Amino acid sequence: MEFSEAEKIIAEFFIEREGEGIVDELKTINLTKEGIIDSLDIILLATYLEEKFGKEIDITDDNTLKAFSNFENIVKLVL
């Protein structure tokens, strides 16, 4: 599966936690429904994204929170 540079950086967060096997399904699963990330993980991922991309992620916004359920939407948060 091909990843852009931004996607590779974000995928690293999930690979470190779940292992290389997550790469094959990362773009197709609902991350929250599948239990890949929970509320604490969202905070950790938001902090990770802020550090890596230099963008503020407002996790108090409902739309932002919903974005964390889908890899593609997480990418959109930082682009």
C-alpha atoms as a PDB file:
ATOM      1  CA  MET A   1       0.000   0.000   0.000  1.00  0.00           C
ATOM      2  CA  GLU A   2       1.384   3.371  -1.013  1.00  0.00           C
ATOM      3  CA  PHE A   3       1.589   6.175   1.538  1.00  0.00           C
ATOM      4  CA  SER A   4       2.329   9.871   1.102  1.00  0.00           C
ATOM      5  CA  GLU A   5       4.971  11.387   3.376  1.00  0.00           C
ATOM      6  CA  ALA A   6       2.289  12.700   5.761  1.00  0.00           C
ATOM      7  CA  GLU A   7       0.574   9.312   5.794  1.00  0.00           C
ATOM      8  CA  LYS A   8       3.865   7.565   6.612  1.00  0.00           C
ATOM      9  CA  ILE A   9       4.398   9.808   9.632  1.00  0.00           C
ATOM     10  CA  ILE A  10       0.880   9.165  10.896  1.00  0.00           C
ATOM     11  CA  ALA A  11       1.097   5.438  10.150  1.00  0.00           C
ATOM     12  CA  GLU A  12       4.231   5.245  12.332  1.00  0.00           C
ATOM     13  CA  PHE A  13       2.092   6.113  15.361  1.00  0.00           C
ATOM     14  CA  PHE A  14      -0.111   3.087  14.687  1.00  0.00           C
ATOM     15  CA  ILE A  15       2.747   0.761  13.700  1.00  0.00           C
ATOM     16  CA  GLU A  16       4.570   1.456  16.973  1.00  0.00           C
ATOM     17  CA  ARG A  17       1.433   0.518  18.899  1.00  0.00           C
ATOM     18  CA  GLU A  18      -0.054  -2.287  16.802  1.00  0.00           C
ATOM     19  CA  GLY A  19       2.840  -3.659  14.739  1.00  0.00           C
ATOM     20  CA  GLU A  20       3.452  -3.796  10.990  1.00  0.00           C
ATOM     21  CA  GLY A  21       0.261  -5.787  10.373  1.00  0.00           C
ATOM     22  CA  ILE A  22      -1.875  -2.689  10.903  1.00  0.00           C
ATOM     23  CA  VAL A  23      -0.553  -1.156   7.669  1.00  0.00           C
ATOM     24  CA  ASP A  24      -2.654  -3.450   5.465  1.00  0.00           C
ATOM     25  CA  GLU A  25      -5.931  -2.345   7.011  1.00  0.00           C
ATOM     26  CA  LEU A  26      -5.149   1.157   8.253  1.00  0.00           C
ATOM     27  CA  LYS A  27      -6.948   2.952   5.422  1.00  0.00           C
ATOM     28  CA  THR A  28     -10.035   0.738   5.479  1.00  0.00           C
ATOM     29  CA  ILE A  29     -11.050   0.311   9.131  1.00  0.00           C
ATOM     30  CA  ASN A  30     -12.880   2.475  11.622  1.00  0.00           C
ATOM     31  CA  LEU A  31     -10.130   3.028  14.166  1.00  0.00           C
ATOM     32  CA  THR A  32     -12.403   3.729  17.116  1.00  0.00           C
ATOM     33  CA  LYS A  33     -14.997   1.021  16.442  1.00  0.00           C
ATOM     34  CA  GLU A  34     -12.261  -1.575  15.952  1.00  0.00           C
ATOM     35  CA  GLY A  35     -10.687  -0.556  19.277  1.00  0.00           C
ATOM     36  CA  ILE A  36      -7.431   0.581  17.710  1.00  0.00           C
ATOM     37  CA  ILE A  37      -7.692   3.946  19.478  1.00  0.00           C
ATOM     38  CA  ASP A  38      -9.737   5.158  22.427  1.00  0.00           C
ATOM     39  CA  SER A  39     -10.166   8.569  24.044  1.00  0.00           C
ATOM     40  CA  LEU A  40      -6.737   8.562  25.695  1.00  0.00           C
ATOM     41  CA  ASP A  41      -5.133   7.461  22.428  1.00  0.00           C
ATOM     42  CA  ILE A  42      -6.812  10.370  20.650  1.00  0.00           C
ATOM     43  CA  ILE A  43      -5.109  12.760  23.050  1.00  0.00           C
ATOM     44  CA  LEU A  44      -1.766  11.040  22.502  1.00  0.00           C
ATOM     45  CA  LEU A  45      -2.234  11.017  18.733  1.00  0.00           C
ATOM     46  CA  ALA A  46      -3.254  14.686  18.706  1.00  0.00           C
ATOM     47  CA  THR A  47      -0.089  15.556  20.640  1.00  0.00           C
ATOM     48  CA  TYR A  48       1.979  13.424  18.260  1.00  0.00           C
ATOM     49  CA  LEU A  49       0.443  15.173  15.245  1.00  0.00           C
ATOM     50  CA  GLU A  50       1.040  18.612  16.739  1.00  0.00           C
ATOM     51  CA  GLU A  51       4.707  17.762  17.310  1.00  0.00           C
ATOM     52  CA  LYS A  52       5.281  16.200  13.894  1.00  0.00           C
ATOM     53  CA  PHE A  53       3.335  18.692  11.773  1.00  0.00           C
ATOM     54  CA  GLY A  54       3.428  21.885  13.849  1.00  0.00           C
ATOM     55  CA  LYS A  55      -0.360  22.249  13.680  1.00  0.00           C
ATOM     56  CA  GLU A  56      -2.705  22.682  16.595  1.00  0.00           C
ATOM     57  CA  ILE A  57      -5.338  19.957  16.862  1.00  0.00           C
ATOM     58  CA  ASP A  58      -8.452  21.083  18.750  1.00  0.00           C
ATOM     59  CA  ILE A  59      -9.763  17.899  20.346  1.00  0.00           C
ATOM     60  CA  THR A  60     -12.593  19.822  21.993  1.00  0.00           C
ATOM     61  CA  ASP A  61     -14.239  20.189  18.575  1.00  0.00           C
ATOM     62  CA  ASP A  62     -16.752  17.403  17.813  1.00  0.00           C
ATOM     63  CA  ASN A  63     -15.803  17.270  14.129  1.00  0.00           C
ATOM     64  CA  THR A  64     -12.160  16.854  15.026  1.00  0.00           C
ATOM     65  CA  LEU A  65     -12.977  14.030  17.417  1.00  0.00           C
ATOM     66  CA  LYS A  66     -15.010  12.272  14.734  1.00  0.00           C
ATOM     67  CA  ALA A  67     -12.085  12.598  12.325  1.00  0.00           C
ATOM     68  CA  PHE A  68      -9.986  10.316  14.515  1.00  0.00           C
ATOM     69  CA  SER A  69     -12.101   7.312  13.570  1.00  0.00           C
ATOM     70  CA  ASN A  70     -10.726   7.267  10.023  1.00  0.00           C
ATOM     71  CA  PHE A  71      -7.106   7.353   8.831  1.00  0.00           C
ATOM     72  CA  GLU A  72      -7.883   9.515   5.802  1.00  0.00           C
ATOM     73  CA  ASN A  73      -9.611  12.106   8.000  1.00  0.00           C
ATOM     74  CA  ILE A  74      -6.664  12.161  10.385  1.00  0.00           C
ATOM     75  CA  VAL A  75      -4.422  12.971   7.424  1.00  0.00           C
ATOM     76  CA  LYS A  76      -6.753  15.813   6.448  1.00  0.00           C
ATOM     77  CA  LEU A  77      -6.358  17.309   9.938  1.00  0.00           C
ATOM     78  CA  VAL A  78      -2.676  17.973   9.315  1.00  0.00           C
ATOM     79  CA  LEU A  79      -2.677  18.956   5.642  1.00  0.00           C
END
